[in-house]
C-alpha cells in the first residue's frame, strides 16, 4: 500500500474535497456553512481522496474552533487519524453530525464505526451523543404556561451566579467535562463565554422568576452563524421537578419568533431525557443527531 499524502487545500484544489462519497449527508447539512479553503484538508492515496476534514470558526476568529466535517473511506482509519494528527491546529472538539435515526439506516452504523475509529486513533474520545432540533412556524408556537415572569438583566455576574448553581447539578456532558477540568466556576465561565460569542444582542438574555420574585432559571434566545437558536435553558436546582424548563423553552421560542425567526435550532444531550421531552412537547422535531468527541488540549512546553 502506498503512503498517504496529506494536503491542505486552496482555491485551486478545493474541488478535491468533494470527491469522497457522502454517506453521512454532510454536504446537505453544511449547505449554508462557510469554510476557509485553507481550513480544509484531505488525505490522498495513489491520488485518490481517502479522508477529509474541515475546520470551522466565524470569519473573525483567527483559528478554527471545531472540526465539524470528517469523512474516512472504509479501511482508511489510519489515513483519517493521520489527517487529524498532523493538522497545524489542535482543535479540542470534533463533531460528527448524522441523519436522525442513523443506527437503523443501511450502511450508516459501519460508516460511523470507521470515522469513530479514526478519530480515536487521533486522540479524540467520545464525549456525548446529542439530538439536534429545528422548529419552524408550521409546528405552531408552544403554549406559554404563564407561571413565570421574564425580564432582561444587564449584570453578567447575575448570570454567572445562576450558571454556577445550574451546573452544580447537571446532566450536560460539556459542563461535566469543564467541572472535571476546573470546577463549577470554569463550567459557568465557559457557558458565559459562549453567550458572549453569539452575535445576537446581549439584551436578549433573560431571567425567569416566580410571580413573587424568586429566581427560577435563565434562558438565552440567540443567533449563531446559521441563524436563530436556543442558546441555553437552565433551571436552578431548587426549582427542578416542576417542568419549568418547558416554560423557559416556550418563552425562548416565542421571543425568537417575535424577532422574526423563520426557524429555530436547538440541541440537547440524548441522556437528558427531561429536556428532550420538553423539546418534543414544544414542537421541535429531531432533524439530525450528533456525536461529540473531545481531545485533551496540548500543553506547550514553552
Protein backbone atom coordinates (compact mmCIF):
# COMPACT_ATOMS: atom_id res chain seq x y z
CA UNK A 1 0.00 0.00 0.00
CA UNK A 2 1.41 3.38 -0.97
CA UNK A 3 1.93 6.12 1.58
CA UNK A 4 -0.74 8.67 2.34
CA UNK A 5 -0.21 12.26 1.24
CA UNK A 6 -1.82 14.93 3.43
CA UNK A 7 -2.78 18.09 1.60
CA UNK A 8 -4.16 21.40 2.84
CA UNK A 9 -6.45 22.84 0.20
CA UNK A 10 -6.54 26.20 -1.51
CA UNK A 11 -8.78 27.76 -4.14
CA UNK A 12 -7.21 25.74 -6.95
CA UNK A 13 -7.52 22.39 -5.18
CA UNK A 14 -10.78 22.94 -3.28
CA UNK A 15 -12.62 20.59 -5.66
CA UNK A 16 -10.77 17.61 -4.17
CA UNK A 17 -12.86 17.90 -1.02
CA UNK A 18 -16.00 16.90 -2.94
CA UNK A 19 -14.59 13.72 -4.48
CA UNK A 20 -15.28 11.46 -1.49
CA UNK A 21 -18.70 9.75 -1.08
CA UNK A 22 -21.00 11.39 1.48
CA UNK A 23 -22.92 8.65 3.36
CA UNK A 24 -23.47 10.89 6.39
CA UNK A 25 -25.13 13.55 4.16
CA UNK A 26 -22.82 16.23 5.49
CA UNK A 27 -22.98 18.20 2.26
CA UNK A 28 -26.71 18.66 2.86
CA UNK A 29 -26.04 19.62 6.49
CA UNK A 30 -23.42 22.22 5.56
CA UNK A 31 -25.04 23.87 2.55
CA UNK A 32 -25.01 27.21 4.38
CA UNK A 33 -21.70 26.70 6.20
CA UNK A 34 -18.83 28.87 5.01
CA UNK A 35 -15.37 27.31 5.24
CA UNK A 36 -11.99 28.83 4.56
CA UNK A 37 -10.32 26.75 1.82
CA UNK A 38 -7.10 26.55 3.84
CA UNK A 39 -9.05 25.09 6.79
CA UNK A 40 -9.92 22.05 4.67
CA UNK A 41 -7.53 19.10 4.42
CA UNK A 42 -7.58 15.79 2.59
CA UNK A 43 -5.61 12.56 2.74
CA UNK A 44 -4.75 11.05 -0.64
CA UNK A 45 -3.56 7.58 -1.51
CA UNK A 46 -2.49 6.99 -5.12
CA UNK A 47 -4.03 10.35 -5.96
CA UNK A 48 -7.47 9.39 -4.57
CA UNK A 49 -9.04 11.15 -1.58
CA UNK A 50 -9.50 8.63 1.24
CA UNK A 51 -10.20 11.04 4.13
CA UNK A 52 -11.21 14.67 4.51
CA UNK A 53 -11.84 17.13 7.32
CA UNK A 54 -12.99 20.72 7.58
CA UNK A 55 -12.28 23.06 10.49
CA UNK A 56 -14.76 25.83 11.25
CA UNK A 57 -14.97 29.17 13.04
CA UNK A 58 -16.60 32.53 12.43
CA UNK A 59 -14.94 34.74 9.80
CA UNK A 60 -13.50 36.98 12.51
CA UNK A 61 -11.96 34.12 14.52
CA UNK A 62 -8.18 33.77 14.00
CA UNK A 63 -8.13 29.98 14.42
CA UNK A 64 -10.63 27.14 13.98
CA UNK A 65 -12.93 26.28 16.87
CA UNK A 66 -14.18 22.84 15.90
CA UNK A 67 -13.87 20.06 13.33
CA UNK A 68 -17.41 19.66 12.04
CA UNK A 69 -16.86 17.68 8.85
CA UNK A 70 -14.88 14.43 8.97
CA UNK A 71 -15.10 11.61 6.46
CA UNK A 72 -13.00 8.48 6.09
CA UNK A 73 -13.22 5.80 3.40
CA UNK A 74 -13.76 2.25 4.60
CA UNK A 75 -10.49 0.67 5.70
CA UNK A 76 -8.67 4.01 5.80
CA UNK A 77 -8.86 4.69 9.54
CA UNK A 78 -5.10 5.24 9.76
CA UNK A 79 -5.24 7.83 6.99
CA UNK A 80 -8.07 9.64 8.75
CA UNK A 81 -6.14 9.62 12.01
CA UNK A 82 -3.02 10.98 10.31
CA UNK A 83 -5.09 13.73 8.72
CA UNK A 84 -6.21 14.89 12.18
CA UNK A 85 -2.89 14.32 13.97
CA UNK A 86 -0.85 16.37 11.50
CA UNK A 87 -3.09 19.43 11.48
CA UNK A 88 -1.45 22.74 12.41
CA UNK A 89 -4.40 23.44 14.74
CA UNK A 90 -5.09 21.27 17.79
CA UNK A 91 -8.85 21.72 17.87
CA UNK A 92 -10.21 20.16 21.04
CA UNK A 93 -13.65 19.22 19.75
CA UNK A 94 -14.81 17.15 16.79
CA UNK A 95 -18.48 16.93 15.79
CA UNK A 96 -19.87 14.09 13.71
CA UNK A 97 -23.34 15.06 12.50
CA UNK A 98 -25.58 12.20 11.41
CA UNK A 99 -29.04 11.68 9.94
CA UNK A 100 -31.75 11.19 12.54
CA UNK A 101 -32.19 7.51 13.36
CA UNK A 102 -28.85 6.69 11.76
CA UNK A 103 -28.49 3.37 13.59
CA UNK A 104 -31.41 1.99 11.55
CA UNK A 105 -30.23 3.28 8.16
CA UNK A 106 -28.37 0.91 5.79
CA UNK A 107 -24.61 1.41 5.83
CA UNK A 108 -24.62 4.19 8.42
CA UNK A 109 -23.51 2.20 11.51
CA UNK A 110 -20.46 0.90 9.61
CA UNK A 111 -19.61 4.38 8.31
CA UNK A 112 -19.84 5.81 11.83
CA UNK A 113 -17.66 3.00 13.19
CA UNK A 114 -14.95 3.81 10.62
CA UNK A 115 -14.95 7.52 11.47
CA UNK A 116 -15.06 6.88 15.20
CA UNK A 117 -12.08 4.52 14.96
CA UNK A 118 -10.09 7.12 13.02
CA UNK A 119 -10.97 9.88 15.49
CA UNK A 120 -9.93 7.72 18.45
CA UNK A 121 -6.61 6.85 16.81
CA UNK A 122 -6.01 10.60 16.53
CA UNK A 123 -6.66 11.10 20.25
CA UNK A 124 -10.35 12.08 20.19
CA UNK A 125 -12.58 10.26 22.65
CA UNK A 126 -16.39 10.12 22.52
CA UNK A 127 -17.92 12.71 24.84
CA UNK A 128 -21.68 12.66 24.25
CA UNK A 129 -24.45 11.94 21.75
CA UNK A 130 -26.90 14.76 21.10
CA UNK A 131 -30.26 15.38 19.42
CA UNK A 132 -30.42 18.35 17.03
CA UNK A 133 -33.82 20.02 16.65
CA UNK A 134 -35.37 22.53 14.27
CA UNK A 135 -38.62 24.40 14.96
CA UNK A 136 -40.49 26.02 12.08
CA UNK A 137 -43.74 28.01 12.18
CA UNK A 138 -45.75 25.13 10.69
CA UNK A 139 -45.25 23.32 14.01
CA UNK A 140 -47.05 26.14 15.81
CA UNK A 141 -45.87 28.17 18.76
CA UNK A 142 -45.77 26.23 22.03
CA UNK A 143 -48.30 27.20 24.67
CA UNK A 144 -46.93 29.54 27.33
CA UNK A 145 -47.75 28.16 30.81
CA UNK A 146 -47.55 31.73 32.18
CA UNK A 147 -46.21 30.53 35.53
CA UNK A 148 -43.07 32.68 35.40
CA UNK A 149 -42.11 36.30 34.86
CA UNK A 150 -39.29 37.03 32.40
CA UNK A 151 -37.02 40.05 32.30
CA UNK A 152 -33.69 41.19 30.89
CA UNK A 153 -30.71 41.56 33.24
CA UNK A 154 -27.65 43.65 32.27
CA UNK A 155 -25.35 42.34 35.01
CA UNK A 156 -23.20 39.40 33.87
CA UNK A 157 -22.46 38.41 37.46
CA UNK A 158 -26.13 37.53 37.92
CA UNK A 159 -25.92 35.07 35.04
CA UNK A 160 -22.56 33.75 36.22
CA UNK A 161 -24.01 33.01 39.66
CA UNK A 162 -27.05 31.31 38.09
CA UNK A 163 -24.81 29.21 35.86
CA UNK A 164 -22.70 28.11 38.83
CA UNK A 165 -25.84 26.91 40.59
CA UNK A 166 -27.30 25.29 37.46
CA UNK A 167 -24.10 23.40 36.71
CA UNK A 168 -23.60 22.30 40.32
CA UNK A 169 -26.08 19.52 39.47
CA UNK A 170 -26.18 18.92 35.74
CA UNK A 171 -26.79 16.27 33.09
CA UNK A 172 -24.84 18.25 30.48
CA UNK A 173 -21.71 16.37 29.33
CA UNK A 174 -19.81 19.50 28.28
CA UNK A 175 -20.43 21.12 31.66
CA UNK A 176 -19.35 17.95 33.46
CA UNK A 177 -16.12 17.87 31.47
CA UNK A 178 -15.44 21.51 32.39
CA UNK A 179 -16.14 20.77 36.05
CA UNK A 180 -13.69 17.86 35.98
CA UNK A 181 -11.05 20.16 34.50
CA UNK A 182 -11.53 23.27 36.62
CA UNK A 183 -14.60 23.12 38.82
CA UNK A 184 -18.02 24.75 38.61
CA UNK A 185 -16.54 28.21 38.04
CA UNK A 186 -14.88 27.02 34.83
CA UNK A 187 -18.12 25.45 33.61
CA UNK A 188 -20.02 28.67 34.32
CA UNK A 189 -17.38 30.85 32.65
CA UNK A 190 -17.24 28.65 29.54
CA UNK A 191 -21.01 28.93 29.21
CA UNK A 192 -20.92 32.70 29.71
CA UNK A 193 -18.19 32.99 27.07
CA UNK A 194 -20.44 31.17 24.60
CA UNK A 195 -23.27 33.59 25.37
CA UNK A 196 -20.98 36.49 24.51
CA UNK A 197 -19.72 34.66 21.43
CA UNK A 198 -23.21 34.69 19.91
CA UNK A 199 -23.64 37.66 17.54
CA UNK A 200 -27.17 38.27 18.85
CA UNK A 201 -27.82 41.22 21.21
CA UNK A 202 -26.73 40.95 24.84
CA UNK A 203 -30.10 42.47 25.79
CA UNK A 204 -31.85 39.25 24.77
CA UNK A 205 -30.58 37.30 27.79
CA UNK A 206 -33.42 36.73 30.25
CA UNK A 207 -34.00 35.71 33.84
CA UNK A 208 -37.10 33.80 34.92
CA UNK A 209 -38.72 34.42 38.29
CA UNK A 210 -41.83 33.33 40.12
CA UNK A 211 -44.57 35.97 40.42
CA UNK A 212 -43.20 36.53 43.92
CA UNK A 213 -39.77 37.43 42.53
CA UNK A 214 -37.84 34.24 43.38
CA UNK A 215 -35.26 33.34 40.66
CA UNK A 216 -36.08 30.10 38.84
CA UNK A 217 -33.69 29.97 35.88
CA UNK A 218 -32.39 31.60 32.72
CA UNK A 219 -32.93 31.31 29.00
CA UNK A 220 -30.80 32.72 26.21
CA UNK A 221 -32.52 33.42 22.88
CA UNK A 222 -29.69 33.68 20.39
CA UNK A 223 -28.46 33.71 16.83
CA UNK A 224 -25.40 31.80 15.75
CA UNK A 225 -23.70 31.85 12.35
CA UNK A 226 -26.52 29.75 10.85
CA UNK A 227 -29.47 31.62 12.32
CA UNK A 228 -31.78 31.69 15.36
CA UNK A 229 -31.19 29.12 18.08
CA UNK A 230 -31.98 28.18 21.65
CA UNK A 231 -28.72 29.35 23.21
CA UNK A 232 -29.32 27.96 26.70
CA UNK A 233 -32.08 26.72 29.00
CA UNK A 234 -31.29 26.27 32.69
CA UNK A 235 -33.34 25.81 35.86
CA UNK A 236 -31.87 26.34 39.33
CA UNK A 237 -31.58 23.05 41.27
CA UNK A 238 -34.07 24.02 43.96
CA UNK A 239 -36.80 24.56 41.34
CA UNK A 240 -36.37 21.36 39.36
CA UNK A 241 -39.08 18.75 39.17
CA UNK A 242 -41.84 21.21 38.20
CA UNK A 243 -41.31 21.25 34.42
CA UNK A 244 -40.03 24.81 34.39
CA UNK A 245 -37.53 24.01 31.61
CA UNK A 246 -40.54 23.76 29.29
CA UNK A 247 -41.71 27.23 30.39
CA UNK A 248 -38.26 28.61 29.56
CA UNK A 249 -38.16 26.84 26.19
CA UNK A 250 -41.64 28.06 25.26
CA UNK A 251 -40.73 31.64 26.19
CA UNK A 252 -37.44 31.42 24.28
CA UNK A 253 -39.29 30.16 21.20
CA UNK A 254 -41.87 32.95 21.37
CA UNK A 255 -39.13 35.54 21.87
CA UNK A 256 -37.22 34.45 18.77
CA UNK A 257 -40.38 34.13 16.68
CA UNK A 258 -41.38 37.66 17.70
CA UNK A 259 -37.96 38.81 16.49
CA UNK A 260 -38.54 37.37 13.04
CA UNK A 261 -37.20 33.82 13.29
CA UNK A 262 -38.38 31.61 10.43
CA UNK A 263 -36.75 28.60 12.06
CA UNK A 264 -35.09 27.92 15.43
CA UNK A 265 -32.36 25.36 16.05
CA UNK A 266 -31.96 23.57 19.35
CA UNK A 267 -29.96 20.71 20.84
CA UNK A 268 -29.69 18.60 23.97
CA UNK A 269 -27.73 15.59 25.18
CA UNK A 270 -29.57 12.37 24.44
CA UNK A 271 -29.20 11.36 28.07
CA UNK A 272 -31.05 14.47 29.21
CA UNK A 273 -34.45 12.80 28.96
CA UNK A 274 -36.45 15.63 30.60
CA UNK A 275 -35.10 18.27 28.19
CA UNK A 276 -35.61 16.01 25.18
CA UNK A 277 -39.23 15.57 26.23
CA UNK A 278 -39.66 19.34 26.55
CA UNK A 279 -38.33 19.89 23.01
CA UNK A 280 -40.82 17.33 21.69
CA UNK A 281 -43.70 18.92 23.57
CA UNK A 282 -42.73 22.37 22.28
CA UNK A 283 -42.92 21.24 18.65
CA UNK A 284 -39.23 20.67 17.91
CA UNK A 285 -38.64 17.55 15.76
CA UNK A 286 -35.26 15.83 15.76
CA UNK A 287 -33.64 16.62 12.39
CA UNK A 288 -30.17 15.18 12.98
CA UNK A 289 -28.06 13.56 15.66
CA UNK A 290 -24.52 14.42 16.69
CA UNK A 291 -21.59 12.55 18.18
CA UNK A 292 -19.25 14.89 20.05
CA UNK A 293 -15.62 13.87 20.50
CA UNK A 294 -13.12 15.57 22.77
CA UNK A 295 -9.31 15.68 22.80
CA UNK A 296 -7.32 16.95 25.73
CA UNK A 297 -5.61 20.26 24.90
CA UNK A 298 -1.91 20.11 24.15
CA UNK A 299 0.08 21.97 26.82
CA UNK A 300 3.03 23.84 25.38
CA UNK A 301 6.38 23.08 26.96
CA UNK A 302 7.46 26.67 26.49
